[in-house]
Amino acid sequence: MTVRVTKLSSGLTVATHAMDHLESAALGVWIGAGSRLESPTEHGISHLLEHMAFKGTARRSATDIAEEIEAVGGEVNAATSVETTSYYARILKPDAGLAVDILSDILCHSTFDEEELEREQHVIVQEIGASLDTPEDRVFDFFIEGAFPDQPLGRTILGTEETVRQTRSDHLFSYLDRHYHGPSMVLSAAGAVDHDALVNLAEERFASLPASETPPPPPARYRGGDVREARPLMEAQILLGFEGLPYPAEDFHAVQILASLLGGGMSSRLFQEVREKRGLCYSIYAFHWSFADTGLFGIHAATGAEDIGRLMPVVLGELERASHDINEAELSRARAQMRASLLMSLESPAARAGQLARQMLLFGRPITTEELVARIDGVSVERLRRLAETIFTSAPPTIAAIGPIEQLASRDRIAERLGSRVEA
């Protein structure tokens, strides 16, 4: 298995991981532009643009795009996140050229027809409505909004009905011109790929990309907050969170391990203590999201109204205990989970292509598996204890909750229990 990287004259990076035993490949273009770059009036435009890219180009209709890729048994899709947007395809080895041609066509020559735009806006408004009707989704919107209020990072990816419907074709072209530049884009491929052939194709197909750098997003400022919505539901959705770490942080792998140790599986502390021993909820887990310059550490629980008052003290007790009572056996299990997840992802061309693209966008280089495993294995018990104390006490918490939440403790009370301070 070989990783190769080439930067083109447009600034576009081509990164490939050849897996010679495969007959298929996953390839796509990842752009360092997502919802975090949107102005208030553009809220949701990154996601809308992702949808509209498949609605027709100067030489292909929306139907043509779908039929051409499916005629060779392939598939094409896209995804929008806070900091990136990706357009990707899964194809057989002989059809890599077609996939590159389609991806370059939709990224460089889309027409953004107004009739197609109106139809897609209606589809996204329905998607927004479905999200608003789903407490499990909505509580996460509350969570990031509370953590980063009045900032692009704290807004939803989907946008609002108002901002989506007011977007016109010229707004899409303007956004594309500002953010889809060669230096902020990576063509990544894994599986049955020929690096040199892909470079030649990309040099020709993406020649029109602007070669200038794009401006970075505004810095994020974690503030923490409390966003609640009482609803007559059978189950309460509760999130408790804290400021986390950015991708480049020295303790990035340590905080991922901490999340796994606390709530990453059936053997984790929260699952054992809250669900198995006390039966206070059906679902509970911990997670950590990293961004370019900040992060969010969170615990999610779904429970009945009658158990909220008992559940939160148990969760807070486990967070307090993590700062002084982590043992080698727990750390070993969490390391093994993270190491296995990393190595298993290498068996999937799609996962590997995405991982390679993110590494190039974030660090400007591919990071070897050996280096990643060494970072995981280098995390110590003492390091985790110090990190837990820092994360859970140095900044005010964030609370997000939906459902029958009358018994959920106040943010001030939760902060006081942890020894953190809520800003006035």
Protein backbone atom coordinates (compact mmCIF):
# COMPACT_ATOMS: atom_id res chain seq x y z
CA MET A 1 0.00 0.00 0.00
CA THR A 2 1.52 3.29 -1.15
CA VAL A 3 0.60 6.90 -0.40
CA ARG A 4 1.60 9.58 -2.90
CA VAL A 5 0.95 13.33 -2.96
CA THR A 6 1.24 15.86 -5.82
CA LYS A 7 0.34 19.54 -5.83
CA LEU A 8 -0.94 20.89 -9.16
CA SER A 9 -0.37 24.31 -10.72
CA SER A 10 -3.84 25.39 -9.56
CA GLY A 11 -2.87 24.62 -5.95
CA LEU A 12 -5.13 21.55 -5.87
CA THR A 13 -3.54 18.63 -4.01
CA VAL A 14 -3.87 15.09 -5.36
CA ALA A 15 -3.37 12.43 -2.68
CA THR A 16 -3.73 8.71 -3.31
CA HIS A 17 -3.43 5.48 -1.36
CA ALA A 18 -3.06 2.56 -3.75
CA MET A 19 -4.54 -0.74 -2.54
CA ASP A 20 -3.45 -3.16 -5.23
CA HIS A 21 -5.62 -6.05 -4.03
CA LEU A 22 -8.85 -4.13 -4.77
CA GLU A 23 -10.83 -3.80 -7.98
CA SER A 24 -12.71 -0.67 -6.89
CA ALA A 25 -11.77 2.83 -5.78
CA ALA A 26 -13.21 5.65 -3.74
CA LEU A 27 -12.29 9.13 -4.83
CA GLY A 28 -13.55 12.60 -4.18
CA VAL A 29 -12.81 16.27 -3.77
CA TRP A 30 -12.70 17.71 -0.27
CA ILE A 31 -12.93 21.49 0.12
CA GLY A 32 -11.88 23.39 3.24
CA ALA A 33 -15.16 25.29 3.26
CA GLY A 34 -18.26 24.53 5.28
CA SER A 35 -20.98 26.22 7.29
CA ARG A 36 -18.41 28.00 9.46
CA LEU A 37 -17.55 30.33 6.58
CA GLU A 38 -21.11 31.57 6.08
CA SER A 39 -22.30 35.06 6.88
CA PRO A 40 -25.65 35.35 8.72
CA THR A 41 -27.50 35.98 5.45
CA GLU A 42 -25.76 32.97 3.84
CA HIS A 43 -26.80 30.54 6.59
CA GLY A 44 -27.22 27.13 4.92
CA ILE A 45 -25.60 28.07 1.60
CA SER A 46 -22.77 25.50 1.89
CA HIS A 47 -25.29 22.68 2.15
CA LEU A 48 -27.52 24.14 -0.56
CA LEU A 49 -24.52 24.45 -2.88
CA GLU A 50 -23.66 20.79 -2.26
CA HIS A 51 -27.19 19.84 -3.37
CA MET A 52 -27.18 22.14 -6.39
CA ALA A 53 -23.87 20.80 -7.70
CA PHE A 54 -25.74 17.70 -8.92
CA LYS A 55 -28.54 19.65 -10.63
CA GLY A 56 -26.89 20.30 -13.97
CA THR A 57 -23.76 21.64 -15.67
CA ALA A 58 -23.03 23.26 -19.02
CA ARG A 59 -22.90 19.80 -20.64
CA ARG A 60 -24.83 17.49 -18.30
CA SER A 61 -28.36 17.58 -16.92
CA ALA A 62 -29.12 16.29 -13.44
CA THR A 63 -30.41 13.11 -15.06
CA ASP A 64 -27.23 12.74 -17.14
CA ILE A 65 -25.06 12.92 -14.00
CA ALA A 66 -27.05 10.19 -12.27
CA GLU A 67 -27.31 7.94 -15.34
CA GLU A 68 -23.65 8.16 -16.37
CA ILE A 69 -22.25 7.10 -13.02
CA GLU A 70 -24.87 4.40 -12.47
CA ALA A 71 -24.36 3.04 -16.00
CA VAL A 72 -20.97 1.75 -14.83
CA GLY A 73 -22.29 0.53 -11.49
CA GLY A 74 -20.85 3.47 -9.57
CA GLU A 75 -22.34 5.91 -7.11
CA VAL A 76 -21.79 9.59 -6.40
CA ASN A 77 -22.70 11.66 -3.36
CA ALA A 78 -21.68 14.63 -1.24
CA ALA A 79 -21.64 15.85 2.36
CA THR A 80 -21.38 19.18 4.16
CA SER A 81 -19.86 19.70 7.59
CA VAL A 82 -18.88 22.67 9.72
CA GLU A 83 -15.43 23.06 8.13
CA THR A 84 -15.46 20.98 4.94
CA THR A 85 -17.62 19.96 1.99
CA SER A 86 -16.93 16.77 0.06
CA TYR A 87 -18.05 15.39 -3.29
CA TYR A 88 -17.15 11.74 -3.81
CA ALA A 89 -17.69 8.65 -5.92
CA ARG A 90 -17.25 4.91 -5.60
CA ILE A 91 -16.38 3.17 -8.87
CA LEU A 92 -14.62 0.18 -10.41
CA LYS A 93 -10.98 0.49 -11.43
CA PRO A 94 -11.53 1.25 -15.16
CA ASP A 95 -14.00 4.08 -14.43
CA ALA A 96 -11.84 6.47 -12.39
CA GLY A 97 -11.59 8.81 -15.37
CA LEU A 98 -15.37 9.11 -15.61
CA ALA A 99 -15.64 9.86 -11.88
CA VAL A 100 -13.03 12.62 -12.11
CA ASP A 101 -14.74 14.07 -15.17
CA ILE A 102 -18.13 14.19 -13.41
CA LEU A 103 -16.72 15.65 -10.19
CA SER A 104 -14.75 18.33 -12.03
CA ASP A 105 -17.80 19.14 -14.15
CA ILE A 106 -20.11 19.69 -11.18
CA LEU A 107 -17.49 21.71 -9.27
CA CYS A 108 -16.27 23.89 -12.13
CA HIS A 109 -19.21 24.12 -14.55
CA SER A 110 -22.49 23.94 -12.62
CA THR A 111 -25.20 26.24 -13.97
CA PHE A 112 -27.37 26.61 -10.82
CA ASP A 113 -30.56 26.84 -12.84
CA GLU A 114 -33.17 28.91 -11.01
CA GLU A 115 -35.98 26.37 -11.52
CA GLU A 116 -33.78 23.58 -10.17
CA LEU A 117 -32.79 25.87 -7.29
CA GLU A 118 -36.39 26.51 -6.34
CA ARG A 119 -37.15 22.78 -6.30
CA GLU A 120 -34.07 21.99 -4.20
CA GLN A 121 -34.84 24.77 -1.76
CA HIS A 122 -38.22 23.13 -1.18
CA VAL A 123 -36.51 19.78 -0.55
CA ILE A 124 -34.09 21.31 1.98
CA VAL A 125 -36.92 23.15 3.77
CA GLN A 126 -38.56 19.74 4.23
CA GLU A 127 -35.23 18.43 5.57
CA ILE A 128 -35.11 21.33 8.04
CA GLY A 129 -38.67 20.56 9.12
CA ALA A 130 -37.82 16.90 9.69
CA SER A 131 -34.86 17.91 11.85
CA LEU A 132 -37.00 20.28 13.92
CA ASP A 133 -39.45 17.43 14.51
CA THR A 134 -36.69 15.06 15.70
CA PRO A 135 -35.62 15.70 19.30
CA GLU A 136 -32.48 13.56 18.92
CA ASP A 137 -31.30 15.90 16.14
CA ARG A 138 -32.59 19.16 17.56
CA VAL A 139 -30.82 18.78 20.89
CA PHE A 140 -27.45 18.71 19.10
CA ASP A 141 -28.36 21.96 17.31
CA PHE A 142 -29.07 23.46 20.74
CA PHE A 143 -25.77 22.08 22.01
CA ILE A 144 -23.46 23.75 19.51
CA GLU A 145 -25.57 26.93 19.55
CA GLY A 146 -25.17 27.13 23.32
CA ALA A 147 -21.44 26.44 23.20
CA PHE A 148 -20.68 28.99 20.46
CA PRO A 149 -23.50 31.56 20.52
CA ASP A 150 -23.69 34.33 17.89
CA GLN A 151 -20.94 32.71 15.79
CA PRO A 152 -20.95 30.81 12.48
CA LEU A 153 -19.67 27.73 14.32
CA GLY A 154 -22.78 27.74 16.50
CA ARG A 155 -25.28 27.79 13.63
CA THR A 156 -26.85 24.72 12.08
CA ILE A 157 -25.51 23.34 8.82
CA LEU A 158 -28.97 23.17 7.20
CA GLY A 159 -29.80 26.86 7.68
CA THR A 160 -33.30 28.20 8.22
CA GLU A 161 -36.29 28.24 5.89
CA GLU A 162 -35.88 31.99 5.47
CA THR A 163 -32.16 31.98 4.61
CA VAL A 164 -32.43 28.96 2.31
CA ARG A 165 -35.38 30.36 0.34
CA GLN A 166 -33.77 33.77 -0.14
CA THR A 167 -30.65 32.31 -1.81
CA ARG A 168 -30.35 32.97 -5.52
CA SER A 169 -28.05 31.57 -8.20
CA ASP A 170 -25.73 34.58 -8.07
CA HIS A 171 -25.26 33.97 -4.31
CA LEU A 172 -24.15 30.42 -5.05
CA PHE A 173 -21.69 31.59 -7.72
CA SER A 174 -20.32 34.23 -5.34
CA TYR A 175 -19.80 31.69 -2.56
CA LEU A 176 -18.15 29.28 -5.00
CA ASP A 177 -15.80 31.99 -6.30
CA ARG A 178 -14.75 32.98 -2.78
CA HIS A 179 -14.11 29.56 -1.30
CA TYR A 180 -13.61 26.85 -3.94
CA HIS A 181 -9.95 27.59 -4.73
CA GLY A 182 -7.22 25.10 -5.61
CA PRO A 183 -5.11 25.58 -2.44
CA SER A 184 -8.10 24.75 -0.23
CA MET A 185 -9.08 21.60 -2.16
CA VAL A 186 -7.84 18.00 -2.14
CA LEU A 187 -8.58 15.29 -4.69
CA SER A 188 -8.18 12.16 -2.61
CA ALA A 189 -8.46 8.56 -3.78
CA ALA A 190 -7.93 5.13 -2.28
CA GLY A 191 -8.19 1.62 -3.64
CA ALA A 192 -7.48 0.62 -7.24
CA VAL A 193 -5.99 3.97 -8.30
CA ASP A 194 -3.11 5.03 -10.53
CA HIS A 195 -1.60 8.18 -9.03
CA ASP A 196 0.10 9.48 -12.18
CA ALA A 197 -3.01 8.94 -14.32
CA LEU A 198 -5.13 10.72 -11.71
CA VAL A 199 -2.71 13.66 -11.61
CA ASN A 200 -2.85 14.03 -15.39
CA LEU A 201 -6.65 13.93 -15.36
CA ALA A 202 -6.89 16.44 -12.53
CA GLU A 203 -4.40 18.83 -14.10
CA GLU A 204 -6.61 19.02 -17.18
CA ARG A 205 -10.08 18.90 -15.60
CA PHE A 206 -9.44 21.32 -12.72
CA ALA A 207 -7.30 23.82 -14.63
CA SER A 208 -9.90 26.59 -14.22
CA LEU A 209 -9.72 26.63 -10.40
CA PRO A 210 -8.44 29.90 -8.89
CA ALA A 211 -4.92 29.40 -7.51
CA SER A 212 -5.23 32.03 -4.78
CA GLU A 213 -5.49 31.30 -1.06
CA THR A 214 -8.87 31.67 0.65
CA PRO A 215 -9.30 33.64 3.90
CA PRO A 216 -9.57 31.61 7.13
CA PRO A 217 -12.80 31.52 9.14
CA PRO A 218 -13.24 33.93 12.06
CA PRO A 219 -11.75 32.56 15.30
CA ALA A 220 -14.15 30.57 17.46
CA ARG A 221 -14.85 31.56 21.07
CA TYR A 222 -16.32 28.94 23.37
CA ARG A 223 -18.68 30.60 25.84
CA GLY A 224 -20.94 27.82 27.06
CA GLY A 225 -24.67 28.18 27.48
CA ASP A 226 -27.96 26.64 28.50
CA VAL A 227 -30.57 25.91 25.81
CA ARG A 228 -33.68 23.98 26.85
CA GLU A 229 -37.06 23.23 25.33
CA ALA A 230 -39.81 21.57 27.35
CA ARG A 231 -41.81 19.16 25.17
CA PRO A 232 -44.42 16.55 26.12
CA LEU A 233 -42.24 13.57 25.16
CA MET A 234 -41.76 10.15 26.72
CA GLU A 235 -38.00 10.64 26.86
CA ALA A 236 -35.72 13.58 27.63
CA GLN A 237 -32.69 14.24 25.43
CA ILE A 238 -29.87 15.77 27.50
CA LEU A 239 -26.41 16.99 26.52
CA LEU A 240 -23.72 18.16 28.92
CA GLY A 241 -20.61 19.63 27.33
CA PHE A 242 -17.33 21.44 27.78
CA GLU A 243 -14.74 23.16 25.64
CA GLY A 244 -12.58 20.55 23.93
CA LEU A 245 -9.38 20.60 21.89
CA PRO A 246 -8.63 21.44 18.25
CA TYR A 247 -7.20 18.92 15.79
CA PRO A 248 -3.60 20.22 16.04
CA ALA A 249 -3.53 20.05 19.86
CA GLU A 250 -0.83 17.92 21.46
CA ASP A 251 -3.49 16.19 23.57
CA PHE A 252 -5.85 15.47 20.66
CA HIS A 253 -5.49 11.69 20.91
CA ALA A 254 -5.60 11.86 24.70
CA VAL A 255 -8.98 13.61 24.69
CA GLN A 256 -10.35 11.07 22.20
CA ILE A 257 -9.23 8.29 24.54
CA LEU A 258 -10.79 10.11 27.51
CA ALA A 259 -14.14 10.23 25.69
CA SER A 260 -13.88 6.52 24.89
CA LEU A 261 -12.96 5.63 28.46
CA LEU A 262 -15.88 7.59 29.88
CA GLY A 263 -18.56 6.67 27.36
CA GLY A 264 -17.27 4.90 24.27
CA GLY A 265 -18.67 1.41 24.67
CA MET A 266 -20.40 -1.11 26.91
CA SER A 267 -17.38 -1.35 29.22
CA SER A 268 -17.11 2.44 29.61
CA ARG A 269 -17.65 4.12 32.97
CA LEU A 270 -20.84 5.94 32.12
CA PHE A 271 -22.50 2.95 30.46
CA GLN A 272 -21.62 0.66 33.36
CA GLU A 273 -22.47 3.07 36.16
CA VAL A 274 -25.54 4.79 34.72
CA ARG A 275 -27.22 2.07 32.68
CA GLU A 276 -25.95 -1.31 33.86
CA LYS A 277 -25.73 -0.72 37.61
CA ARG A 278 -28.54 1.80 38.11
CA GLY A 279 -30.80 1.47 35.06
CA LEU A 280 -31.22 5.24 34.79
CA CYS A 281 -31.30 5.43 30.99
CA TYR A 282 -31.32 3.40 27.82
CA SER A 283 -28.63 5.37 26.00
CA ILE A 284 -25.58 7.25 27.27
CA TYR A 285 -22.25 7.96 25.61
CA ALA A 286 -19.41 10.49 25.49
CA PHE A 287 -17.87 12.07 22.41
CA HIS A 288 -15.35 14.69 21.36
CA TRP A 289 -15.63 16.92 18.28
CA SER A 290 -12.52 18.73 17.09
CA PHE A 291 -12.38 21.78 14.84
CA ALA A 292 -9.42 23.74 13.47
CA ASP A 293 -9.05 25.96 16.55
CA THR A 294 -11.34 24.58 19.25
CA GLY A 295 -13.40 21.54 20.20
CA LEU A 296 -16.42 20.23 22.12
CA PHE A 297 -16.46 17.42 24.66
CA GLY A 298 -19.96 16.09 25.28
CA ILE A 299 -22.04 13.51 27.12
CA HIS A 300 -25.43 12.56 25.69
CA ALA A 301 -28.13 10.74 27.62
CA ALA A 302 -31.72 9.82 26.82
CA THR A 303 -33.85 9.12 29.88
CA GLY A 304 -37.31 9.40 31.39
CA ALA A 305 -38.46 12.41 33.39
CA GLU A 306 -38.50 10.46 36.66
CA ASP A 307 -34.79 9.54 36.36
CA ILE A 308 -33.25 12.90 35.45
CA GLY A 309 -32.80 14.00 39.03
CA ARG A 310 -30.76 10.87 39.84
CA LEU A 311 -28.92 10.59 36.52
CA MET A 312 -27.09 13.93 36.47
CA PRO A 313 -25.37 13.55 39.89
CA VAL A 314 -24.05 10.14 38.81
CA VAL A 315 -22.68 11.59 35.55
CA LEU A 316 -21.03 14.49 37.38
CA GLY A 317 -19.55 12.08 39.89
CA GLU A 318 -17.89 10.11 37.08
CA LEU A 319 -16.45 13.30 35.59
CA GLU A 320 -15.02 14.29 38.96
CA ARG A 321 -13.56 10.81 39.49
CA ALA A 322 -11.79 10.89 36.12
CA SER A 323 -9.40 13.59 37.36
CA HIS A 324 -7.87 11.32 40.00
CA ASP A 325 -8.99 7.73 39.43
CA ILE A 326 -8.10 6.32 36.02
CA ASN A 327 -6.25 3.01 35.92
CA GLU A 328 -4.05 1.24 33.39
CA ALA A 329 -6.64 -1.43 32.57
CA GLU A 330 -9.20 1.19 31.50
CA LEU A 331 -6.60 3.07 29.49
CA SER A 332 -5.51 -0.15 27.79
CA ARG A 333 -9.10 -0.92 26.72
CA ALA A 334 -9.66 2.61 25.40
CA ARG A 335 -6.36 2.51 23.50
CA ALA A 336 -7.30 -0.84 21.97
CA GLN A 337 -10.68 0.52 20.83
CA MET A 338 -9.09 3.54 19.20
CA ARG A 339 -6.27 1.52 17.62
CA ALA A 340 -8.71 -1.04 16.22
CA SER A 341 -10.98 1.67 14.82
CA LEU A 342 -8.01 3.27 13.08
CA LEU A 343 -6.72 0.02 11.58
CA MET A 344 -10.18 -1.17 10.52
CA SER A 345 -10.78 2.11 8.70
CA LEU A 346 -7.76 1.36 6.49
CA GLU A 347 -9.68 -1.58 5.03
CA SER A 348 -12.34 0.75 3.59
CA PRO A 349 -11.29 2.77 0.53
CA ALA A 350 -13.98 5.38 1.24
CA ALA A 351 -12.89 5.84 4.85
CA ARG A 352 -9.23 5.96 3.83
CA ALA A 353 -9.83 8.55 1.08
CA GLY A 354 -11.67 10.78 3.56
CA GLN A 355 -9.01 10.36 6.24
CA LEU A 356 -6.23 11.22 3.77
CA ALA A 357 -8.09 14.32 2.53
CA ARG A 358 -8.66 15.62 6.06
CA GLN A 359 -4.99 15.12 6.92
CA MET A 360 -3.93 17.13 3.89
CA LEU A 361 -6.37 19.96 4.65
CA LEU A 362 -5.47 20.13 8.35
CA PHE A 363 -1.76 19.31 8.42
CA GLY A 364 -0.57 19.63 4.83
CA ARG A 365 0.81 16.07 4.84
CA PRO A 366 -0.34 12.47 5.17
CA ILE A 367 0.18 11.02 8.63
CA THR A 368 1.38 7.43 8.68
CA THR A 369 -0.45 4.72 10.56
CA GLU A 370 2.70 4.09 12.59
CA GLU A 371 2.76 7.72 13.72
CA LEU A 372 -0.91 7.66 14.69
CA VAL A 373 -0.53 4.41 16.64
CA ALA A 374 2.53 5.83 18.43
CA ARG A 375 0.51 8.88 19.48
CA ILE A 376 -2.27 6.67 20.82
CA ASP A 377 0.16 4.43 22.68
CA GLY A 378 1.95 7.48 24.12
CA VAL A 379 -1.06 8.56 26.20
CA SER A 380 -0.51 7.92 29.92
CA VAL A 381 -2.82 7.67 32.94
CA GLU A 382 -1.35 10.83 34.44
CA ARG A 383 -1.93 12.73 31.22
CA LEU A 384 -5.58 11.67 31.12
CA ARG A 385 -6.15 12.67 34.73
CA ARG A 386 -4.71 16.15 34.15
CA LEU A 387 -6.71 16.55 30.97
CA ALA A 388 -9.96 15.52 32.66
CA GLU A 389 -9.47 18.06 35.43
CA THR A 390 -8.69 20.82 32.92
CA ILE A 391 -11.63 20.13 30.60
CA PHE A 392 -14.29 19.63 33.25
CA THR A 393 -13.37 22.58 35.49
CA SER A 394 -11.60 25.31 33.51
CA ALA A 395 -14.57 26.60 31.48
CA PRO A 396 -18.32 26.87 32.11
CA PRO A 397 -20.39 23.88 30.97
CA THR A 398 -22.91 23.81 28.14
CA ILE A 399 -26.37 22.31 28.69
CA ALA A 400 -28.82 21.36 25.96
CA ALA A 401 -32.06 19.54 26.67
CA ILE A 402 -35.43 18.70 25.08
CA GLY A 403 -38.43 16.92 26.55
CA PRO A 404 -39.78 16.50 30.09
CA ILE A 405 -36.82 18.27 31.69
CA GLU A 406 -38.34 20.00 34.72
CA GLN A 407 -36.09 18.03 37.09
CA LEU A 408 -32.84 18.85 35.26
CA ALA A 409 -30.51 20.84 37.52
CA SER A 410 -29.62 24.43 36.66
CA ARG A 411 -26.39 25.22 34.85
CA ASP A 412 -25.16 27.15 37.89
CA ARG A 413 -25.69 24.13 40.10
CA ILE A 414 -23.90 21.79 37.68
CA ALA A 415 -20.98 24.22 37.37
CA GLU A 416 -20.77 24.56 41.15
CA ARG A 417 -20.62 20.78 41.56
CA LEU A 418 -17.73 20.58 39.09
CA GLY A 419 -15.91 23.57 40.52
CA SER A 420 -16.17 25.61 37.31
CA ARG A 421 -17.50 29.14 36.98
CA VAL A 422 -20.42 30.43 34.91
CA GLU A 423 -19.74 33.84 33.43
CA ALA A 424 -22.28 36.57 34.15
